[in-house]
Protein backbone atom coordinates (compact mmCIF):
# COMPACT_ATOMS: atom_id res chain seq x y z
CA MET A 1 -17.30 10.78 12.53
CA LYS A 2 -18.61 9.57 9.18
CA ASN A 3 -16.88 6.53 7.72
CA ILE A 4 -14.76 7.05 4.62
CA ILE A 5 -15.15 3.46 3.37
CA THR A 6 -18.80 2.83 2.56
CA ARG A 7 -20.87 -0.34 2.88
CA GLN A 8 -21.12 -0.32 -0.90
CA ALA A 9 -17.32 -0.44 -1.18
CA ILE A 10 -17.16 -3.40 1.23
CA GLU A 11 -19.83 -5.29 -0.72
CA SER A 12 -17.97 -4.57 -3.95
CA ARG A 13 -14.82 -6.11 -2.48
CA LYS A 14 -16.78 -9.22 -1.48
CA ARG A 15 -18.00 -9.54 -5.07
CA TRP A 16 -14.45 -9.29 -6.35
CA ILE A 17 -13.32 -11.99 -3.90
CA ARG A 18 -16.07 -14.30 -5.18
CA ARG A 19 -14.92 -13.38 -8.68
CA PHE A 20 -11.43 -14.72 -7.95
CA GLN A 21 -12.85 -17.92 -6.44
CA SER A 22 -14.88 -18.69 -9.57
CA ALA A 23 -12.08 -17.80 -11.98
CA ASP A 24 -11.09 -19.84 -15.01
CA ARG A 25 -7.98 -22.01 -14.67
CA ASN A 26 -6.26 -20.17 -17.54
CA PHE A 27 -4.17 -17.63 -15.63
CA VAL A 28 -3.34 -15.36 -18.57
CA ALA A 29 -6.92 -15.30 -19.86
CA GLU A 30 -8.30 -14.53 -16.40
CA SER A 31 -5.72 -11.80 -15.86
CA ASN A 32 -6.81 -10.16 -19.09
CA ARG A 33 -10.47 -10.39 -18.11
CA ILE A 34 -9.80 -8.90 -14.68
CA GLN A 35 -7.86 -6.06 -16.26
CA ALA A 36 -10.75 -5.34 -18.63
CA GLU A 37 -13.29 -5.43 -15.78
CA LEU A 38 -11.23 -3.14 -13.56
CA GLN A 39 -10.66 -0.69 -16.41
CA LYS A 40 -14.39 -0.62 -17.07
CA GLU A 41 -15.16 0.08 -13.41
CA VAL A 42 -12.71 2.98 -13.29
CA GLU A 43 -13.96 4.40 -16.58
CA GLN A 44 -17.57 4.31 -15.37
CA SER A 45 -17.13 5.44 -11.75
CA GLY A 46 -13.79 7.26 -11.76
CA LEU A 47 -11.82 8.17 -8.66
CA SER A 48 -14.28 6.77 -6.10
CA VAL A 49 -14.01 3.17 -7.29
CA LEU A 50 -10.24 3.44 -7.73
CA LEU A 51 -9.86 4.65 -4.14
CA ASN A 52 -12.07 1.80 -2.90
CA HIS A 53 -9.77 -0.74 -4.50
CA LEU A 54 -6.61 0.96 -3.22
CA ARG A 55 -7.99 1.15 0.32
CA LEU A 56 -9.14 -2.47 0.55
CA CYS A 57 -6.74 -4.47 -1.62
CA GLY A 58 -3.84 -4.89 0.81
CA ASP A 59 -4.77 -8.22 2.45
CA ILE A 60 -4.99 -11.61 0.76
CA PRO A 61 -8.36 -13.15 1.75
CA GLU A 62 -7.88 -15.89 4.34
CA GLN A 63 -10.14 -18.25 2.37
CA PHE A 64 -7.61 -18.38 -0.47
CA GLY A 65 -5.31 -21.39 -0.14
CA HIS A 66 -1.56 -20.85 -0.01
CA ASP A 67 -0.07 -20.83 -3.53
CA SER A 68 -3.56 -21.45 -4.92
CA SER A 69 -4.80 -20.14 -8.26
CA GLU A 70 -6.96 -17.64 -6.34
CA GLU A 71 -3.95 -16.30 -4.45
CA LYS A 72 -1.86 -15.95 -7.61
CA LEU A 73 -4.70 -14.25 -9.44
CA TYR A 74 -5.22 -11.88 -6.51
CA SER A 75 -1.58 -10.90 -6.65
CA LYS A 76 -1.94 -10.16 -10.35
CA TYR A 77 -5.08 -8.11 -9.64
CA THR A 78 -3.06 -5.80 -7.38
CA ASP A 79 -0.46 -5.32 -10.11
CA ILE A 80 -3.28 -4.48 -12.54
CA LEU A 81 -4.64 -2.03 -9.95
CA LEU A 82 -1.25 -0.30 -9.80
CA ALA A 83 -1.19 0.05 -13.58
CA GLU A 84 -4.72 1.48 -13.58
CA THR A 85 -3.76 3.97 -10.87
CA PHE A 86 -0.77 5.21 -12.83
CA ARG A 87 -2.98 5.56 -15.91
CA PHE A 88 -5.38 7.60 -13.79
CA LEU A 89 -2.42 9.84 -12.94
CA GLY A 90 -1.96 10.42 -16.68
CA LEU A 91 0.99 8.07 -17.25
CA LYS A 92 1.32 5.16 -19.64
CA SER A 93 1.55 1.74 -17.99
CA HIS A 94 1.81 -1.89 -18.98
CA VAL A 95 1.20 -5.10 -16.99
CA LEU A 96 3.14 -8.27 -17.72
CA THR A 97 0.65 -11.16 -17.63
CA GLU A 98 3.33 -13.82 -17.96
CA ARG A 99 5.49 -14.47 -14.90
CA ALA A 100 9.14 -13.76 -15.63
CA ASP A 101 12.39 -12.47 -14.15
CA ALA A 102 11.09 -8.92 -14.28
CA ALA A 103 8.86 -6.43 -12.51
CA ASP A 104 5.13 -6.86 -13.06
CA VAL A 105 4.36 -3.25 -14.05
CA GLU A 106 6.16 -0.84 -16.38
CA VAL A 107 5.27 2.86 -16.31
CA PHE A 108 6.29 5.63 -18.68
CA ALA A 109 6.20 9.36 -18.02
CA LYS A 110 7.43 11.94 -20.50
CA ARG A 111 10.75 12.56 -18.75
CA TYR A 112 11.39 9.22 -17.05
CA ALA A 113 10.27 5.59 -16.76
CA PHE A 114 9.98 3.22 -13.82
CA ILE A 115 8.95 -0.27 -12.78
CA ALA A 116 6.49 -1.10 -10.03
CA ASP A 117 5.38 -4.11 -8.05
CA ALA A 118 2.42 -4.60 -5.69
CA LYS A 119 2.81 -6.49 -2.41
CA VAL A 120 -0.03 -8.04 -0.43
CA PHE A 121 0.01 -10.22 2.69
CA ARG A 122 -2.40 -12.31 4.74
CA MET A 123 -3.49 -10.70 7.99
CA SER A 124 -2.45 -13.90 9.76
CA ARG A 125 1.10 -13.93 8.45
CA THR A 126 3.50 -13.70 11.39
CA ALA A 127 6.86 -12.96 9.76
CA LYS A 128 7.68 -10.78 6.78
CA ASN A 129 11.32 -10.93 5.75
CA ALA A 130 13.19 -8.31 3.77
CA LYS A 131 13.26 -10.70 0.82
CA ASP A 132 9.44 -10.64 0.70
CA PHE A 133 9.61 -7.05 -0.54
CA LYS A 134 12.10 -7.85 -3.34
CA ILE A 135 13.95 -4.54 -3.02
CA GLN A 136 17.21 -5.94 -4.37
CA SER A 137 15.43 -7.73 -7.21
CA MET A 138 13.59 -4.54 -8.19
CA ASP A 139 16.90 -2.72 -8.51
CA GLY A 140 18.14 -5.42 -10.86
CA TRP A 141 14.93 -5.33 -12.88
CA LYS A 142 15.14 -1.61 -13.72
CA ARG A 143 17.05 -2.43 -16.92
CA GLY A 144 17.69 1.13 -17.95
CA LYS A 145 14.66 2.68 -16.28
CA THR A 146 15.30 5.50 -13.85
CA TYR A 147 13.25 4.40 -10.85
CA ALA A 148 11.52 1.46 -9.14
CA MET A 149 8.60 1.36 -6.70
CA VAL A 150 7.28 -1.33 -4.34
CA VAL A 151 3.73 -0.61 -3.10
CA CYS A 152 2.56 -2.29 0.13
CA PRO A 153 -0.36 -2.20 2.60
CA VAL A 154 0.56 0.40 5.19
CA CYS A 155 -0.33 -1.83 8.18
CA GLN A 156 2.09 -4.54 7.02
CA LEU A 157 5.13 -2.29 6.60
CA PRO A 158 7.85 -2.39 9.30
CA ASN A 159 7.48 0.74 11.43
CA THR A 160 10.62 0.57 13.60
CA SER A 161 13.65 -0.92 11.86
CA SER A 162 14.10 -3.07 8.77
CA GLN A 163 16.64 -3.89 6.09
CA ILE A 164 14.08 -2.92 3.45
CA TYR A 165 14.71 0.77 4.18
CA SER A 166 18.49 0.57 4.00
CA GLN A 167 18.17 -1.50 0.82
CA ALA A 168 15.69 1.00 -0.65
CA ILE A 169 18.00 3.93 0.05
CA THR A 170 21.14 2.15 -1.17
CA ARG A 171 19.54 0.82 -4.35
CA ASN A 172 17.24 3.77 -5.09
CA VAL A 173 13.97 1.85 -4.82
CA CYS A 174 10.91 3.69 -3.51
CA VAL A 175 8.95 1.83 -0.83
CA PHE A 176 5.41 3.20 -0.95
CA SER A 177 1.94 2.29 0.34
CA TYR A 178 -1.53 2.03 -1.17
CA SER A 179 -2.55 4.84 1.19
CA HIS A 180 0.13 7.17 -0.17
CA LEU A 181 -0.86 6.23 -3.71
CA ALA A 182 -4.51 6.99 -2.92
CA VAL A 183 -3.52 10.50 -1.84
CA MET A 184 -1.76 10.97 -5.18
CA ALA A 185 -4.78 9.68 -7.11
CA ALA A 186 -7.14 12.06 -5.31
CA PHE A 187 -4.75 14.97 -5.86
CA SER A 188 -4.42 14.22 -9.57
CA LEU A 189 -8.18 14.39 -10.25
CA SER A 190 -8.14 18.03 -11.31
CA LYS A 191 -4.47 18.24 -12.31
CA ARG A 192 -2.57 17.87 -15.55
CA ALA A 193 -0.48 14.75 -16.12
CA SER A 194 2.67 16.85 -15.93
CA GLU A 195 1.83 17.73 -12.31
CA SER A 196 1.46 14.05 -11.39
CA GLU A 197 4.77 13.28 -13.09
CA LYS A 198 6.45 16.01 -11.08
CA PHE A 199 4.83 14.78 -7.85
CA LEU A 200 5.98 11.20 -8.43
CA GLU A 201 9.49 12.26 -9.36
CA ARG A 202 9.74 14.22 -6.12
CA ILE A 203 8.90 11.04 -4.19
CA PHE A 204 11.28 8.91 -6.24
CA ASN A 205 14.13 11.22 -5.30
CA VAL A 206 13.57 10.82 -1.55
CA PRO A 207 15.76 7.67 -1.20
CA LEU A 208 18.58 9.50 -3.02
CA GLU A 209 18.55 12.22 -0.38
CA LEU A 210 18.79 9.90 2.63
CA ASN A 211 21.78 8.28 4.29
CA PRO A 212 21.53 4.46 4.37
CA SER A 213 19.64 3.44 7.51
CA LYS A 214 17.26 0.73 8.72
CA ASN A 215 15.27 3.34 10.63
CA ALA A 216 11.63 3.34 9.49
CA ASN A 217 10.89 6.72 11.05
CA ASP A 218 13.68 8.41 9.08
CA TYR A 219 12.41 6.96 5.83
CA TRP A 220 8.69 7.64 6.30
CA SER A 221 9.20 11.09 7.77
CA ALA A 222 11.07 12.03 4.60
CA VAL A 223 8.39 10.53 2.33
CA ASN A 224 5.47 12.01 4.30
CA ARG A 225 6.94 15.50 4.55
CA THR A 226 7.82 15.50 0.86
CA MET A 227 4.23 14.64 -0.05
CA LEU A 228 2.66 17.11 2.38
CA GLY A 229 4.96 19.88 1.20
CA PHE A 230 4.18 19.38 -2.48
CA SER A 231 0.88 21.27 -2.43
CA LYS A 232 -1.37 23.00 0.08
CA GLU A 233 -4.15 20.66 -1.11
CA ILE A 234 -2.39 17.53 0.17
CA PRO A 235 -2.95 17.82 3.97
CA ALA A 236 -6.75 17.57 3.66
CA LEU A 237 -6.48 14.54 1.35
CA TRP A 238 -3.90 13.07 3.73
CA GLN A 239 -6.28 13.14 6.68
CA ILE A 240 -8.96 11.38 4.63
CA GLU A 241 -6.63 8.55 3.66
CA LYS A 242 -5.24 8.27 7.18
CA GLN A 243 -8.77 7.65 8.47
CA ALA A 244 -9.46 5.30 5.56
CA ALA A 245 -6.32 3.32 6.45
CA GLU A 246 -7.59 2.85 10.01
CA GLU A 247 -10.97 1.72 8.70
CA SER A 248 -9.48 -0.68 6.16
CA VAL A 249 -7.51 -2.49 8.88
CA GLN A 250 -10.67 -3.03 10.91
CA ILE A 251 -12.61 -4.19 7.85
CA ALA A 252 -9.88 -6.66 6.90
CA LYS A 253 -9.57 -7.95 10.47
CA GLU A 254 -13.32 -8.50 10.76
CA ALA A 255 -13.48 -10.36 7.44
CA ALA A 256 -10.54 -12.58 8.37
CA LEU A 257 -11.79 -13.29 11.90
CA THR A 258 -15.29 -14.11 10.63
CA PHE A 259 -13.93 -16.60 8.12
CA LEU A 260 -11.69 -18.28 10.70
CA ALA A 261 -14.55 -18.46 13.23
CA GLU A 262 -16.69 -20.19 10.61
CA GLU A 263 -13.82 -22.55 9.85
CA ARG A 264 -13.41 -23.40 13.53
CA GLU A 265 -17.13 -24.14 13.83
CA ARG A 266 -16.92 -26.36 10.77
CA PHE A 267 -14.07 -28.30 12.37
CA ILE A 268 -15.99 -28.73 15.62
CA ARG A 269 -18.99 -30.15 13.77
CA MET A 270 -16.90 -32.67 11.84
CA SER A 271 -17.07 -36.40 12.31
CA HIS A 272 -14.03 -38.13 13.74
CA ASP A 273 -12.76 -39.19 10.33
CA GLU A 274 -13.33 -35.77 8.81
CA ALA A 275 -11.50 -34.15 11.70
CA ILE A 276 -8.47 -36.39 11.21
CA VAL A 277 -8.23 -35.37 7.56
CA GLU A 278 -8.37 -31.69 8.48
CA LEU A 279 -5.90 -32.15 11.32
CA ILE A 280 -3.36 -33.50 8.86
CA LYS A 281 -3.72 -30.29 6.86
CA SER A 282 -2.73 -28.36 10.00
CA HIS A 283 -4.52 -25.06 9.50
CA LYS A 284 -3.33 -23.49 12.76
CA ILE A 285 -6.50 -21.40 13.10
CA ASP A 286 -5.89 -20.12 16.66
CA ASN A 287 -2.42 -18.82 15.79
CA LYS A 288 -3.83 -16.96 12.80
CA ILE A 289 -6.55 -15.38 14.94
CA LYS A 290 -3.98 -14.25 17.49
CA THR A 291 -1.85 -12.65 14.77
CA ILE A 292 -4.81 -10.86 13.18
CA ARG A 293 -5.93 -9.44 16.54
CA SER A 294 -2.47 -7.95 17.03
CA VAL A 295 -2.47 -6.00 13.74
CA THR A 296 -2.70 -2.22 14.08
CA CYS A 297 -2.56 0.62 11.59
CA ASN A 298 0.79 1.68 13.18
CA ASP A 299 2.14 5.23 13.02
CA ILE A 300 3.59 5.39 9.52
CA LEU A 301 1.06 8.02 8.40
CA THR A 302 1.71 10.17 11.47
CA VAL A 303 3.77 13.24 10.64
CA ARG A 304 6.47 13.90 13.18
């Protein structure tokens, strides 16, 4: 079977990672530059480059330090990517470059408005708490807008039971994935903006139709069936993104494992004094490798 994610897309992601590592220290200025660069890419290459970003953006590169400028800029990049995706769907969107007590993305359709936030995680992260998804905060940040959406990497979403689903249903916040959003982007290519607005609104109304429950299967079955039932064109696009999701997990795992293997070799080759300095930093490389090896694409995209 031919791969969906090309070598060119993987190399492009590597260039973007290097771009974050060489970024200016001015967060706002760099955010603006990244937004301009991403907009230019999408304008020049269209859907293909947008899908590449959506498919590969879900994991924070392991080489980025915790709470580092690179990590914060990467998080902002994913918010910018969300805004660009909604623009591609024909909606108006705005990214807040300053950090504040608010959602990072505002989106305006003709008949409704919503806020959105992008979530990304390291492959080596062992525990993801409900508070990491900020469902309750998103509800409070609506401030008159009809809906709210939290977009996450599909492989990092709980697939059995989690408070995020009961919170999403209770507070009318849509939990979504980059894979689902990629399906929407592909579908919208030849459609009018009004069709995308209708499609999104149908998804936003899913939490309103469910009884509060922590059950992941109940939530995703409702979301998946709603999307697949919207148009006869969706199932074919769905299968493409399901395969792409599997590929993206393997690509992210390989990149993370390669970096950690190189780090381990670097440690082994250190002098005694150098090793002591690194030991104090306590990188916990083996634990990270174990966690990454255990990541799977799970069954969220499987229709039951």
